[in-house]
Amino acid sequence: MTTFKRLGEGDAGSASAISAVDLGAFTLTAVRNGSGNLELINWRTGPTITRQSDSGNQAGAISEIATTRVRNLTITAVRNGSGALELISWDDGGGQGRITRRADSDNQAGAANLIAVKPLPSATGVITALRNGSGDLMLITWAVDLNGKFTRISDSSAGEVSAVALSVIGNIAVTAVRNGSGNLELITWAIGSDGRGITRMADSGSQAGAISEVAVADTVTAVRNGSGNLELIAWNISADGKTIKRLGDIEAGAATWVALSRFSATRFVTAIRAGNGALKLIAYDVAASGAFTRTGDSGDQAGAVSEVSLVTPPSNTPTTAVRNGSGNLELISWSMRG
């Protein structure tokens, strides 16, 4: 049985559009602050949580944020004040030092929302997945040089979407979307060397039903299904991306703000807003066959939330970054045992 124990917490002011990345003993949060602007904050996390530094007024108005790391820089992919995709590179000070803006993508991309971002397989850039101004899914690859400068490389698109999540496995990108019919659809994309070329390989067709939210970690999706409940689905995706096969699944209770992380070869953890409005973590083990076993959850150790982000550190001490019942950013560190 898996047990979760709440360890420490820390909070900041009014926040929304919360995203977080793991920096070892530290966590970086990127939020839309009370002034509507992008703000990055470094935190020491573990048994206690301490605010270390922030980005101050180095960025402007935004309405969405996704984050990742590449070339020892934090990358924020945002919907800026003009409604367009903008990438910004940051020297994050290793989680404890000064946060300094390095470069941005300027006007290399157009209107976007539902933004996701991951490192390229080559680790020399990033790939973004988003809904473009026409309402369609679009993937864009970007080179990031050692100074954080962005160069747009390639792009590709698919049909209408209303939810977007992204995973990168080897040289294959996997988008998990709510398609134009309101159903979950996985699409695989072959990524060329250093991000040059994006080729659609396969999709999951009609193997999944209606959803309203989606998260993905490697080959597992976590969705809010047509009944409003949390559902995890394991998929077999071939190394060349040419086949996608649904394996096993498991359903839990009512959920919104679904987040998902992989902690080991067999362990996945979801962080959700449960039916009572409170934060809940749930651990699942998944077998090679795709069969899931729910091994434990965090119970009633956390209060009301309206946004959830989950980071995966190199140990069994997950951190959640949430918008709490007061509308403020709150970090909670947890121990996970069993």
Protein backbone atom coordinates (compact mmCIF):
# COMPACT_ATOMS: atom_id res chain seq x y z
CA MET A 1 0.00 0.00 0.00
CA THR A 2 1.21 3.50 -0.85
CA THR A 3 0.95 6.23 1.77
CA PHE A 4 1.29 9.97 1.29
CA LYS A 5 2.36 12.24 4.14
CA ARG A 6 2.13 16.01 3.92
CA LEU A 7 5.52 17.47 4.84
CA GLY A 8 5.74 21.21 4.34
CA GLU A 9 4.03 24.10 2.64
CA GLY A 10 4.77 27.58 1.37
CA ASP A 11 2.65 30.24 -0.24
CA ALA A 12 2.74 33.43 -2.23
CA GLY A 13 0.13 35.93 -3.40
CA SER A 14 -2.68 35.78 -5.93
CA ALA A 15 -1.89 33.39 -8.78
CA SER A 16 -3.42 31.56 -11.72
CA ALA A 17 -2.20 29.64 -14.81
CA ILE A 18 0.20 27.76 -12.50
CA SER A 19 3.02 25.62 -13.92
CA ALA A 20 6.01 24.10 -12.15
CA VAL A 21 9.30 22.33 -12.92
CA ASP A 22 11.59 20.27 -10.70
CA LEU A 23 15.13 21.52 -9.99
CA GLY A 24 16.31 18.73 -7.71
CA ALA A 25 16.13 20.06 -4.15
CA PHE A 26 14.28 23.07 -5.54
CA THR A 27 11.06 23.75 -7.47
CA LEU A 28 10.42 26.62 -9.86
CA THR A 29 6.88 27.89 -10.28
CA ALA A 30 5.70 30.06 -13.16
CA VAL A 31 2.41 31.87 -12.58
CA ARG A 32 0.16 34.68 -13.74
CA ASN A 33 0.43 36.94 -10.73
CA GLY A 34 -2.15 39.31 -9.29
CA SER A 35 -1.17 41.98 -11.82
CA GLY A 36 -1.77 39.59 -14.71
CA ASN A 37 1.94 39.26 -15.50
CA LEU A 38 4.28 36.27 -15.77
CA GLU A 39 6.30 35.71 -12.59
CA LEU A 40 8.79 32.95 -11.84
CA ILE A 41 9.58 31.95 -8.25
CA ASN A 42 12.28 29.61 -6.94
CA TRP A 43 11.51 27.48 -3.86
CA ARG A 44 13.59 25.16 -1.73
CA THR A 45 11.36 22.11 -1.33
CA GLY A 46 11.44 19.03 0.86
CA PRO A 47 10.47 18.71 4.54
CA THR A 48 10.25 22.52 4.59
CA ILE A 49 9.50 24.95 1.76
CA THR A 50 11.28 28.30 1.54
CA ARG A 51 10.96 30.99 -1.11
CA GLN A 52 14.39 31.70 -2.60
CA SER A 53 14.08 34.27 -5.42
CA ASP A 54 11.74 35.56 -8.13
CA SER A 55 11.82 37.15 -11.56
CA GLY A 56 10.28 40.47 -10.50
CA ASN A 57 8.95 42.58 -13.37
CA GLN A 58 11.00 41.05 -16.21
CA ALA A 59 7.90 39.80 -18.11
CA GLY A 60 4.52 41.20 -19.10
CA ALA A 61 0.89 40.14 -19.37
CA ILE A 62 0.07 36.48 -20.06
CA SER A 63 -2.95 34.19 -19.80
CA GLU A 64 -1.43 30.68 -20.13
CA ILE A 65 1.90 29.09 -19.14
CA ALA A 66 3.71 25.82 -19.84
CA THR A 67 7.26 25.14 -18.64
CA THR A 68 10.18 22.82 -19.29
CA ARG A 69 13.99 22.84 -19.07
CA VAL A 70 16.65 22.53 -21.78
CA ARG A 71 20.35 23.51 -21.93
CA ASN A 72 20.20 24.21 -18.15
CA LEU A 73 17.64 26.94 -18.80
CA THR A 74 14.00 27.12 -17.82
CA ILE A 75 11.75 27.69 -20.82
CA THR A 76 8.32 29.26 -20.42
CA ALA A 77 5.86 28.92 -23.30
CA VAL A 78 3.09 31.45 -22.77
CA ARG A 79 0.05 32.98 -24.39
CA ASN A 80 1.12 36.61 -24.21
CA GLY A 81 -0.92 39.78 -23.94
CA SER A 82 -1.50 39.76 -27.71
CA GLY A 83 -2.88 36.21 -27.61
CA ALA A 84 0.19 34.78 -29.39
CA LEU A 85 2.64 32.03 -28.46
CA GLU A 86 5.84 33.43 -26.94
CA LEU A 87 8.77 31.41 -25.66
CA ILE A 88 11.09 32.93 -23.05
CA SER A 89 14.37 31.44 -21.80
CA TRP A 90 15.50 32.02 -18.22
CA ASP A 91 18.64 31.49 -16.20
CA ASP A 92 16.90 30.05 -13.13
CA GLY A 93 19.91 30.20 -10.82
CA GLY A 94 19.71 26.46 -10.19
CA GLY A 95 16.63 27.00 -8.06
CA GLN A 96 18.28 29.18 -5.44
CA GLY A 97 19.98 32.05 -7.27
CA ARG A 98 18.77 35.05 -9.20
CA ILE A 99 16.26 34.48 -12.03
CA THR A 100 17.32 36.32 -15.19
CA ARG A 101 15.51 36.61 -18.51
CA ARG A 102 17.79 35.56 -21.39
CA ALA A 103 15.86 35.72 -24.71
CA ASP A 104 12.45 35.27 -26.30
CA SER A 105 10.91 34.07 -29.57
CA ASP A 106 9.59 37.54 -30.44
CA ASN A 107 6.98 37.34 -33.24
CA GLN A 108 7.96 33.95 -34.73
CA ALA A 109 4.56 32.40 -33.85
CA GLY A 110 0.94 33.47 -34.07
CA ALA A 111 -2.27 33.14 -32.06
CA ALA A 112 -2.26 30.19 -29.66
CA ASN A 113 -3.81 28.66 -26.59
CA LEU A 114 -3.86 25.23 -24.88
CA ILE A 115 -0.05 25.34 -24.97
CA ALA A 116 2.26 22.42 -24.03
CA VAL A 117 6.06 22.27 -24.29
CA LYS A 118 8.71 19.51 -23.98
CA PRO A 119 12.44 19.19 -24.78
CA LEU A 120 13.39 17.86 -28.22
CA PRO A 121 14.94 14.36 -28.27
CA SER A 122 18.29 16.00 -29.12
CA ALA A 123 18.04 18.25 -26.02
CA THR A 124 19.04 21.19 -28.23
CA GLY A 125 15.60 22.77 -28.31
CA VAL A 126 11.93 22.33 -27.55
CA ILE A 127 8.69 21.28 -29.19
CA THR A 128 5.44 23.11 -28.57
CA ALA A 129 1.94 21.71 -29.11
CA LEU A 130 -0.99 24.13 -29.15
CA ARG A 131 -4.33 25.11 -30.61
CA ASN A 132 -3.72 27.73 -33.27
CA GLY A 133 -5.87 30.69 -34.32
CA SER A 134 -7.97 28.41 -36.54
CA GLY A 135 -8.75 26.08 -33.64
CA ASP A 136 -6.50 23.30 -34.98
CA LEU A 137 -3.68 21.35 -33.37
CA MET A 138 -0.22 22.64 -34.32
CA LEU A 139 3.25 21.39 -33.42
CA ILE A 140 6.32 23.61 -33.74
CA THR A 141 9.96 22.69 -33.14
CA TRP A 142 12.44 25.29 -31.92
CA ALA A 143 16.21 25.36 -31.64
CA VAL A 144 17.55 26.93 -28.43
CA ASP A 145 21.18 28.02 -28.44
CA LEU A 146 23.44 28.22 -25.39
CA ASN A 147 22.39 31.83 -24.82
CA GLY A 148 18.70 30.90 -24.87
CA LYS A 149 17.97 32.35 -28.32
CA PHE A 150 15.08 30.70 -30.21
CA THR A 151 14.93 29.73 -33.89
CA ARG A 152 11.73 28.25 -35.34
CA ILE A 153 12.57 25.08 -37.30
CA SER A 154 9.53 23.07 -38.43
CA ASP A 155 5.80 22.79 -37.91
CA SER A 156 2.88 20.49 -38.67
CA SER A 157 -0.83 20.49 -37.91
CA ALA A 158 -3.92 18.34 -37.53
CA GLY A 159 -7.62 19.02 -37.04
CA GLU A 160 -9.82 20.74 -34.49
CA VAL A 161 -8.92 20.33 -30.80
CA SER A 162 -10.18 21.67 -27.48
CA ALA A 163 -7.64 20.11 -25.05
CA VAL A 164 -3.93 19.39 -25.68
CA ALA A 165 -1.24 17.41 -23.83
CA LEU A 166 2.22 16.39 -25.05
CA SER A 167 4.74 13.62 -24.41
CA VAL A 168 8.07 12.85 -26.10
CA ILE A 169 9.28 9.24 -26.24
CA GLY A 170 12.56 8.70 -28.08
CA ASN A 171 12.18 10.41 -31.46
CA ILE A 172 8.39 10.27 -31.30
CA ALA A 173 6.14 13.04 -30.01
CA VAL A 174 2.71 11.99 -28.74
CA THR A 175 -0.14 14.47 -28.60
CA ALA A 176 -3.17 13.54 -26.51
CA VAL A 177 -6.09 15.77 -27.46
CA ARG A 178 -9.82 16.28 -27.20
CA ASN A 179 -10.67 16.14 -30.88
CA GLY A 180 -13.48 17.80 -32.83
CA SER A 181 -15.91 15.07 -31.78
CA GLY A 182 -15.11 15.64 -28.08
CA ASN A 183 -13.22 12.33 -27.78
CA LEU A 184 -9.72 11.45 -26.63
CA GLU A 185 -7.35 10.95 -29.56
CA LEU A 186 -3.65 10.17 -29.50
CA ILE A 187 -1.48 11.13 -32.48
CA THR A 188 2.15 10.14 -32.97
CA TRP A 189 4.67 12.33 -34.78
CA ALA A 190 8.19 11.45 -35.95
CA ILE A 191 10.64 14.24 -35.08
CA GLY A 192 13.62 14.66 -37.41
CA SER A 193 17.19 15.19 -36.31
CA ASP A 194 17.49 18.31 -34.13
CA GLY A 195 13.79 19.00 -34.71
CA ARG A 196 13.99 19.28 -38.48
CA GLY A 197 10.76 17.83 -39.86
CA ILE A 198 7.57 16.70 -38.09
CA THR A 199 5.75 13.78 -39.74
CA ARG A 200 2.38 12.45 -38.61
CA MET A 201 2.64 8.69 -38.15
CA ALA A 202 -0.58 7.29 -36.65
CA ASP A 203 -3.57 8.01 -34.44
CA SER A 204 -5.69 6.07 -31.96
CA GLY A 205 -8.89 6.34 -33.99
CA SER A 206 -12.02 5.41 -32.05
CA GLN A 207 -10.32 3.53 -29.18
CA ALA A 208 -11.35 6.12 -26.54
CA GLY A 209 -14.50 8.08 -25.75
CA ALA A 210 -15.59 11.52 -24.59
CA ILE A 211 -13.32 13.62 -22.36
CA SER A 212 -13.10 17.21 -21.15
CA GLU A 213 -9.52 17.26 -19.77
CA VAL A 214 -6.36 15.33 -20.60
CA ALA A 215 -2.84 14.86 -19.23
CA VAL A 216 -0.18 12.48 -20.54
CA ALA A 217 3.04 11.00 -19.16
CA ASP A 218 4.96 8.75 -21.53
CA THR A 219 2.36 6.17 -22.68
CA VAL A 220 -0.30 6.75 -20.00
CA THR A 221 -3.13 9.27 -20.28
CA ALA A 222 -5.19 10.65 -17.41
CA VAL A 223 -8.49 12.23 -18.42
CA ARG A 224 -11.71 13.62 -17.05
CA ASN A 225 -14.02 11.29 -18.91
CA GLY A 226 -17.57 11.75 -20.16
CA SER A 227 -18.95 10.90 -16.71
CA GLY A 228 -16.81 13.59 -15.06
CA ASN A 229 -14.53 10.99 -13.43
CA LEU A 230 -10.78 10.47 -13.45
CA GLU A 231 -9.76 7.71 -15.86
CA LEU A 232 -6.26 6.43 -16.61
CA ILE A 233 -5.51 4.55 -19.83
CA ALA A 234 -2.30 2.69 -20.70
CA TRP A 235 -1.27 2.58 -24.36
CA ASN A 236 1.22 0.54 -26.35
CA ILE A 237 3.00 2.83 -28.82
CA SER A 238 5.50 1.21 -31.17
CA ALA A 239 9.04 2.59 -31.28
CA ASP A 240 8.48 3.92 -34.81
CA GLY A 241 5.16 5.50 -33.82
CA LYS A 242 3.23 3.61 -36.49
CA THR A 243 0.88 1.76 -34.14
CA ILE A 244 -1.13 2.88 -31.10
CA LYS A 245 -3.01 0.22 -29.12
CA ARG A 246 -5.16 0.70 -26.03
CA LEU A 247 -4.22 -1.66 -23.22
CA GLY A 248 -5.75 -1.33 -19.75
CA ASP A 249 -7.63 1.38 -17.89
CA ILE A 250 -8.91 2.29 -14.44
CA GLU A 251 -11.48 4.79 -13.22
CA ALA A 252 -11.74 6.77 -9.99
CA GLY A 253 -14.22 9.36 -8.72
CA ALA A 254 -15.12 12.87 -9.84
CA ALA A 255 -12.11 14.97 -10.86
CA THR A 256 -11.07 18.25 -12.46
CA TRP A 257 -7.68 19.94 -12.95
CA VAL A 258 -6.05 16.60 -13.73
CA ALA A 259 -2.23 16.37 -13.53
CA LEU A 260 -0.12 13.26 -14.11
CA SER A 261 3.55 12.34 -13.54
CA ARG A 262 5.61 9.21 -13.94
CA PHE A 263 7.74 8.37 -10.91
CA SER A 264 9.29 5.04 -11.98
CA ALA A 265 9.02 2.36 -14.63
CA THR A 266 5.72 1.22 -13.13
CA ARG A 267 4.53 4.05 -10.84
CA PHE A 268 2.31 6.93 -11.97
CA VAL A 269 0.80 9.59 -9.71
CA THR A 270 -2.17 11.83 -10.41
CA ALA A 271 -2.90 15.10 -8.63
CA ILE A 272 -6.50 16.25 -9.01
CA ARG A 273 -9.23 18.47 -7.66
CA ALA A 274 -11.51 15.79 -6.22
CA GLY A 275 -15.29 15.89 -6.16
CA ASN A 276 -15.28 17.69 -2.80
CA GLY A 277 -13.12 20.50 -4.28
CA ALA A 278 -9.97 19.45 -2.39
CA LEU A 279 -6.54 18.41 -3.66
CA LYS A 280 -5.93 14.65 -3.79
CA LEU A 281 -2.91 12.61 -4.92
CA ILE A 282 -3.45 9.02 -6.09
CA ALA A 283 -0.72 6.46 -6.83
CA TYR A 284 -1.11 3.76 -9.48
CA ASP A 285 1.13 0.91 -10.53
CA VAL A 286 0.79 -0.30 -14.12
CA ALA A 287 1.86 -3.73 -15.38
CA ALA A 288 3.37 -4.49 -18.79
CA SER A 289 -0.08 -5.70 -19.84
CA GLY A 290 -1.51 -2.25 -19.10
CA ALA A 291 -3.40 -3.41 -16.00
CA PHE A 292 -3.58 -0.74 -13.28
CA THR A 293 -3.52 -1.16 -9.51
CA ARG A 294 -4.51 1.76 -7.30
CA THR A 295 -2.06 1.58 -4.42
CA GLY A 296 -3.06 4.53 -2.23
CA ASP A 297 -4.00 8.21 -2.00
CA SER A 298 -3.44 11.30 0.12
CA GLY A 299 -6.91 11.30 1.69
CA ASP A 300 -8.08 14.56 3.26
CA GLN A 301 -4.67 16.12 4.05
CA ALA A 302 -5.15 19.11 1.72
CA GLY A 303 -7.85 21.75 1.26
CA ALA A 304 -9.74 23.43 -1.57
CA VAL A 305 -7.95 24.10 -4.86
CA SER A 306 -8.90 25.42 -8.28
CA GLU A 307 -5.68 24.70 -10.22
CA VAL A 308 -3.14 21.88 -9.86
CA SER A 309 0.44 21.27 -11.04
CA LEU A 310 2.58 18.27 -10.03
CA VAL A 311 6.36 17.97 -10.26
CA THR A 312 8.37 14.76 -10.25
CA PRO A 313 11.66 14.97 -8.30
CA PRO A 314 14.38 12.28 -8.36
CA SER A 315 13.02 10.81 -5.12
CA ASN A 316 9.68 9.89 -3.58
CA THR A 317 8.95 13.45 -2.49
CA PRO A 318 6.46 14.92 -4.98
CA THR A 319 5.54 18.60 -4.82
CA THR A 320 2.17 20.06 -5.77
CA ALA A 321 1.76 23.69 -6.80
CA VAL A 322 -1.87 24.79 -6.57
CA ARG A 323 -4.20 27.75 -6.53
CA ASN A 324 -5.72 27.38 -3.08
CA GLY A 325 -9.14 28.31 -1.76
CA SER A 326 -7.99 31.91 -1.22
CA GLY A 327 -6.84 32.22 -4.84
CA ASN A 328 -3.17 32.21 -3.85
CA LEU A 329 -0.23 30.08 -4.97
CA GLU A 330 0.49 27.28 -2.48
CA LEU A 331 3.22 24.64 -2.61
CA ILE A 332 2.92 21.39 -0.67
CA SER A 333 5.68 18.79 -0.39
CA TRP A 334 4.80 15.14 0.21
CA SER A 335 6.54 11.91 1.07
CA MET A 336 5.35 8.85 -0.87
CA ARG A 337 6.08 5.46 0.64
CA GLY A 338 5.20 1.98 -0.56
